[in-house]
Amino acid sequence: MEWLRQAACVGEDPELFFPVGTTGPALDDIEAAKRVCARCPVLRECLHWALGSGQTSGVWGGMCEAERTALLRTAGSVEAARHEAWARHGVTRHEAMTRH
């Protein structure tokens, strides 16, 4: 996880990325975490790792738990979910294939 050193979340409060609950203040934390992710140079690598390692909690790669779960469910597989997520972030299929 060499990419982690370059992540925008380094130095941020880790609790921001692991809110307790899905309502009220937790929603504010999720949105704040996503704003950090939006400026992250390794967002794609983070999401790739989270999808591949089965992270079930927290905000990873700009997606909360519910978003990653829904993506995996609709995509049908981890690889398909990664490609769909990369497409959302403007990565071509060729770029996605060379990142593995």
N, C-alpha and C. Protein backbone atom coordinates (compact mmCIF):
# COMPACT_ATOMS: atom_id res chain seq x y z
N MET A 1 0.82 -1.19 0.00
CA MET A 1 0.00 0.00 0.00
C MET A 1 0.87 1.25 0.00
N GLU A 2 1.82 1.26 -0.90
CA GLU A 2 2.72 2.41 -1.07
C GLU A 2 1.95 3.70 -1.32
N TRP A 3 0.84 3.61 -2.04
CA TRP A 3 0.03 4.77 -2.39
C TRP A 3 -0.49 5.51 -1.16
N LEU A 4 -0.64 4.80 -0.05
CA LEU A 4 -1.22 5.39 1.15
C LEU A 4 -0.44 6.61 1.65
N ARG A 5 0.86 6.62 1.44
CA ARG A 5 1.68 7.75 1.88
C ARG A 5 1.32 9.05 1.19
N GLN A 6 0.76 8.93 -0.02
CA GLN A 6 0.39 10.11 -0.81
C GLN A 6 -1.06 10.53 -0.60
N ALA A 7 -1.80 9.79 0.19
CA ALA A 7 -3.23 10.03 0.36
C ALA A 7 -3.51 11.36 1.06
N ALA A 8 -4.57 12.01 0.63
CA ALA A 8 -4.97 13.28 1.23
C ALA A 8 -5.43 13.11 2.67
N CYS A 9 -5.81 11.91 3.06
CA CYS A 9 -6.29 11.68 4.42
C CYS A 9 -5.18 11.57 5.45
N VAL A 10 -3.94 11.45 4.99
CA VAL A 10 -2.82 11.38 5.93
C VAL A 10 -2.82 12.68 6.74
N GLY A 11 -2.83 12.55 8.03
CA GLY A 11 -2.85 13.71 8.90
C GLY A 11 -4.25 14.15 9.30
N GLU A 12 -5.27 13.60 8.65
CA GLU A 12 -6.65 13.89 9.03
C GLU A 12 -7.06 12.98 10.19
N ASP A 13 -8.09 13.38 10.90
CA ASP A 13 -8.61 12.56 11.99
C ASP A 13 -9.23 11.30 11.41
N PRO A 14 -8.71 10.12 11.73
CA PRO A 14 -9.26 8.88 11.16
C PRO A 14 -10.75 8.68 11.47
N GLU A 15 -11.23 9.21 12.58
CA GLU A 15 -12.64 9.04 12.94
C GLU A 15 -13.56 9.68 11.91
N LEU A 16 -13.06 10.68 11.20
CA LEU A 16 -13.85 11.32 10.15
C LEU A 16 -14.25 10.31 9.08
N PHE A 17 -13.38 9.35 8.80
CA PHE A 17 -13.60 8.38 7.74
C PHE A 17 -14.35 7.13 8.21
N PHE A 18 -14.61 7.05 9.51
CA PHE A 18 -15.33 5.91 10.08
C PHE A 18 -16.42 6.41 11.02
N PRO A 19 -17.40 7.13 10.45
CA PRO A 19 -18.47 7.67 11.29
C PRO A 19 -19.32 6.56 11.90
N VAL A 20 -19.89 6.86 13.04
CA VAL A 20 -20.76 5.90 13.71
C VAL A 20 -22.20 6.24 13.32
N GLY A 21 -22.83 5.33 12.60
CA GLY A 21 -24.21 5.55 12.18
C GLY A 21 -24.31 6.03 10.74
N THR A 22 -25.54 6.22 10.32
CA THR A 22 -25.80 6.66 8.95
C THR A 22 -26.80 7.81 8.90
N THR A 23 -27.01 8.46 10.02
CA THR A 23 -27.92 9.60 10.07
C THR A 23 -27.29 10.72 10.88
N GLY A 24 -27.92 11.89 10.83
CA GLY A 24 -27.49 13.03 11.63
C GLY A 24 -26.05 13.41 11.40
N PRO A 25 -25.29 13.56 12.50
CA PRO A 25 -23.89 13.98 12.40
C PRO A 25 -23.01 13.05 11.56
N ALA A 26 -23.37 11.78 11.51
CA ALA A 26 -22.59 10.83 10.71
C ALA A 26 -22.63 11.22 9.23
N LEU A 27 -23.77 11.70 8.76
CA LEU A 27 -23.89 12.13 7.37
C LEU A 27 -22.96 13.31 7.08
N ASP A 28 -22.84 14.21 8.06
CA ASP A 28 -21.92 15.35 7.90
C ASP A 28 -20.48 14.85 7.80
N ASP A 29 -20.13 13.87 8.63
CA ASP A 29 -18.77 13.31 8.61
C ASP A 29 -18.50 12.61 7.28
N ILE A 30 -19.48 11.88 6.77
CA ILE A 30 -19.31 11.19 5.50
C ILE A 30 -19.04 12.20 4.39
N GLU A 31 -19.81 13.27 4.35
CA GLU A 31 -19.63 14.29 3.32
C GLU A 31 -18.28 14.99 3.47
N ALA A 32 -17.87 15.25 4.72
CA ALA A 32 -16.55 15.87 4.96
C ALA A 32 -15.43 14.94 4.50
N ALA A 33 -15.57 13.65 4.78
CA ALA A 33 -14.56 12.68 4.35
C ALA A 33 -14.49 12.62 2.83
N LYS A 34 -15.63 12.66 2.18
CA LYS A 34 -15.66 12.64 0.72
C LYS A 34 -15.01 13.88 0.12
N ARG A 35 -15.11 15.02 0.80
CA ARG A 35 -14.43 16.23 0.32
C ARG A 35 -12.92 16.06 0.37
N VAL A 36 -12.43 15.38 1.40
CA VAL A 36 -10.99 15.08 1.47
C VAL A 36 -10.62 14.15 0.31
N CYS A 37 -11.44 13.14 0.10
CA CYS A 37 -11.18 12.19 -0.99
C CYS A 37 -11.17 12.88 -2.35
N ALA A 38 -12.03 13.86 -2.51
CA ALA A 38 -12.14 14.54 -3.80
C ALA A 38 -10.85 15.23 -4.21
N ARG A 39 -10.03 15.59 -3.25
CA ARG A 39 -8.76 16.25 -3.57
C ARG A 39 -7.56 15.29 -3.46
N CYS A 40 -7.85 14.01 -3.35
CA CYS A 40 -6.80 13.01 -3.13
C CYS A 40 -6.18 12.54 -4.45
N PRO A 41 -4.84 12.54 -4.53
CA PRO A 41 -4.18 12.09 -5.76
C PRO A 41 -4.21 10.56 -5.94
N VAL A 42 -4.57 9.82 -4.90
CA VAL A 42 -4.59 8.36 -5.00
C VAL A 42 -6.00 7.79 -4.74
N LEU A 43 -7.01 8.57 -5.04
CA LEU A 43 -8.39 8.15 -4.84
C LEU A 43 -8.68 6.82 -5.52
N ARG A 44 -8.26 6.67 -6.74
CA ARG A 44 -8.53 5.44 -7.49
C ARG A 44 -7.86 4.23 -6.85
N GLU A 45 -6.62 4.39 -6.44
CA GLU A 45 -5.91 3.28 -5.80
C GLU A 45 -6.59 2.88 -4.49
N CYS A 46 -7.06 3.88 -3.77
CA CYS A 46 -7.74 3.65 -2.50
C CYS A 46 -9.03 2.86 -2.72
N LEU A 47 -9.82 3.29 -3.68
CA LEU A 47 -11.07 2.59 -3.97
C LEU A 47 -10.79 1.18 -4.49
N HIS A 48 -9.79 1.04 -5.33
CA HIS A 48 -9.38 -0.28 -5.84
C HIS A 48 -9.07 -1.21 -4.68
N TRP A 49 -8.30 -0.73 -3.74
CA TRP A 49 -7.93 -1.54 -2.59
C TRP A 49 -9.15 -1.88 -1.73
N ALA A 50 -10.00 -0.89 -1.48
CA ALA A 50 -11.17 -1.11 -0.63
C ALA A 50 -12.11 -2.15 -1.24
N LEU A 51 -12.32 -2.06 -2.55
CA LEU A 51 -13.20 -3.02 -3.21
C LEU A 51 -12.58 -4.42 -3.20
N GLY A 52 -11.29 -4.49 -3.45
CA GLY A 52 -10.62 -5.79 -3.52
C GLY A 52 -10.42 -6.46 -2.18
N SER A 53 -10.31 -5.67 -1.12
CA SER A 53 -10.06 -6.26 0.19
C SER A 53 -11.33 -6.39 1.02
N GLY A 54 -12.46 -6.00 0.43
CA GLY A 54 -13.74 -6.19 1.11
C GLY A 54 -13.98 -5.28 2.29
N GLN A 55 -13.51 -4.06 2.22
CA GLN A 55 -13.74 -3.11 3.32
C GLN A 55 -15.24 -2.86 3.47
N THR A 56 -15.75 -3.13 4.65
CA THR A 56 -17.19 -3.00 4.88
C THR A 56 -17.55 -1.80 5.73
N SER A 57 -16.57 -1.04 6.15
CA SER A 57 -16.88 0.15 6.94
C SER A 57 -15.99 1.30 6.49
N GLY A 58 -16.49 2.48 6.71
CA GLY A 58 -15.71 3.68 6.43
C GLY A 58 -15.83 4.21 5.02
N VAL A 59 -15.24 5.37 4.82
CA VAL A 59 -15.19 6.02 3.52
C VAL A 59 -13.82 5.72 2.92
N TRP A 60 -13.83 5.10 1.75
CA TRP A 60 -12.60 4.73 1.03
C TRP A 60 -12.76 5.15 -0.42
N GLY A 61 -11.80 5.80 -0.97
CA GLY A 61 -11.86 6.16 -2.38
C GLY A 61 -13.06 7.01 -2.75
N GLY A 62 -13.52 7.81 -1.81
CA GLY A 62 -14.64 8.69 -2.07
C GLY A 62 -16.01 8.05 -2.01
N MET A 63 -16.06 6.81 -1.55
CA MET A 63 -17.35 6.11 -1.45
C MET A 63 -17.57 5.60 -0.04
N CYS A 64 -18.80 5.76 0.44
CA CYS A 64 -19.14 5.24 1.77
C CYS A 64 -19.49 3.76 1.65
N GLU A 65 -19.74 3.13 2.79
CA GLU A 65 -20.03 1.69 2.82
C GLU A 65 -21.21 1.33 1.94
N ALA A 66 -22.29 2.10 2.07
CA ALA A 66 -23.50 1.80 1.30
C ALA A 66 -23.25 1.92 -0.20
N GLU A 67 -22.47 2.90 -0.60
CA GLU A 67 -22.17 3.08 -2.03
C GLU A 67 -21.32 1.94 -2.57
N ARG A 68 -20.31 1.52 -1.79
CA ARG A 68 -19.48 0.40 -2.24
C ARG A 68 -20.28 -0.89 -2.30
N THR A 69 -21.14 -1.11 -1.32
CA THR A 69 -21.98 -2.31 -1.30
C THR A 69 -22.90 -2.33 -2.51
N ALA A 70 -23.53 -1.20 -2.80
CA ALA A 70 -24.44 -1.11 -3.95
C ALA A 70 -23.67 -1.32 -5.25
N LEU A 71 -22.48 -0.74 -5.35
CA LEU A 71 -21.67 -0.90 -6.55
C LEU A 71 -21.31 -2.37 -6.77
N LEU A 72 -20.88 -3.04 -5.72
CA LEU A 72 -20.54 -4.45 -5.83
C LEU A 72 -21.76 -5.29 -6.20
N ARG A 73 -22.90 -4.96 -5.63
CA ARG A 73 -24.11 -5.72 -5.90
C ARG A 73 -24.53 -5.56 -7.36
N THR A 74 -24.52 -4.33 -7.86
CA THR A 74 -24.98 -4.11 -9.24
C THR A 74 -23.94 -4.56 -10.27
N ALA A 75 -22.67 -4.43 -9.93
CA ALA A 75 -21.62 -4.81 -10.88
C ALA A 75 -21.47 -6.33 -10.98
N GLY A 76 -21.72 -7.03 -9.91
CA GLY A 76 -21.67 -8.49 -9.95
C GLY A 76 -20.34 -9.11 -9.56
N SER A 77 -19.25 -8.34 -9.61
CA SER A 77 -17.95 -8.86 -9.20
C SER A 77 -17.06 -7.70 -8.80
N VAL A 78 -15.99 -8.01 -8.10
CA VAL A 78 -15.04 -6.98 -7.68
C VAL A 78 -14.43 -6.30 -8.90
N GLU A 79 -14.01 -7.10 -9.88
CA GLU A 79 -13.38 -6.53 -11.07
C GLU A 79 -14.34 -5.61 -11.82
N ALA A 80 -15.57 -6.04 -11.99
CA ALA A 80 -16.57 -5.21 -12.67
C ALA A 80 -16.84 -3.93 -11.88
N ALA A 81 -16.87 -4.05 -10.56
CA ALA A 81 -17.09 -2.87 -9.71
C ALA A 81 -15.93 -1.89 -9.84
N ARG A 82 -14.71 -2.41 -9.90
CA ARG A 82 -13.55 -1.54 -10.07
C ARG A 82 -13.63 -0.78 -11.39
N HIS A 83 -13.98 -1.48 -12.46
CA HIS A 83 -14.07 -0.84 -13.77
C HIS A 83 -15.17 0.21 -13.78
N GLU A 84 -16.30 -0.10 -13.17
CA GLU A 84 -17.39 0.87 -13.11
C GLU A 84 -16.98 2.09 -12.29
N ALA A 85 -16.31 1.86 -11.17
CA ALA A 85 -15.85 2.96 -10.33
C ALA A 85 -14.84 3.82 -11.08
N TRP A 86 -13.92 3.19 -11.77
CA TRP A 86 -12.93 3.95 -12.54
C TRP A 86 -13.59 4.77 -13.63
N ALA A 87 -14.61 4.20 -14.26
CA ALA A 87 -15.33 4.95 -15.31
C ALA A 87 -15.97 6.20 -14.71
N ARG A 88 -16.45 6.08 -13.50
CA ARG A 88 -17.05 7.25 -12.83
C ARG A 88 -16.00 8.33 -12.58
N HIS A 89 -14.76 7.89 -12.43
CA HIS A 89 -13.67 8.84 -12.15
C HIS A 89 -12.88 9.20 -13.40
N GLY A 90 -13.39 8.83 -14.56
CA GLY A 90 -12.78 9.22 -15.82
C GLY A 90 -11.55 8.44 -16.24
N VAL A 91 -11.43 7.20 -15.78
CA VAL A 91 -10.30 6.36 -16.16
C VAL A 91 -10.74 5.45 -17.31
N THR A 92 -9.94 5.38 -18.34
CA THR A 92 -10.28 4.52 -19.48
C THR A 92 -10.07 3.06 -19.11
N ARG A 93 -10.67 2.17 -19.88
CA ARG A 93 -10.51 0.73 -19.64
C ARG A 93 -9.05 0.32 -19.72
N HIS A 94 -8.30 0.88 -20.69
CA HIS A 94 -6.88 0.55 -20.83
C HIS A 94 -6.12 0.98 -19.57
N GLU A 95 -6.37 2.18 -19.08
CA GLU A 95 -5.70 2.65 -17.86
C GLU A 95 -6.05 1.75 -16.68
N ALA A 96 -7.30 1.37 -16.59
CA ALA A 96 -7.74 0.50 -15.50
C ALA A 96 -7.02 -0.84 -15.55
N MET A 97 -6.89 -1.41 -16.75
CA MET A 97 -6.24 -2.72 -16.89
C MET A 97 -4.76 -2.66 -16.53
N THR A 98 -4.11 -1.53 -16.75
CA THR A 98 -2.67 -1.44 -16.46
C THR A 98 -2.40 -1.07 -15.01
N ARG A 99 -3.40 -0.81 -14.21
CA ARG A 99 -3.21 -0.46 -12.80
C ARG A 99 -3.14 -1.68 -11.90
N HIS A 100 -3.50 -2.84 -12.40
CA HIS A 100 -3.52 -4.05 -11.55
C HIS A 100 -2.11 -4.44 -11.18
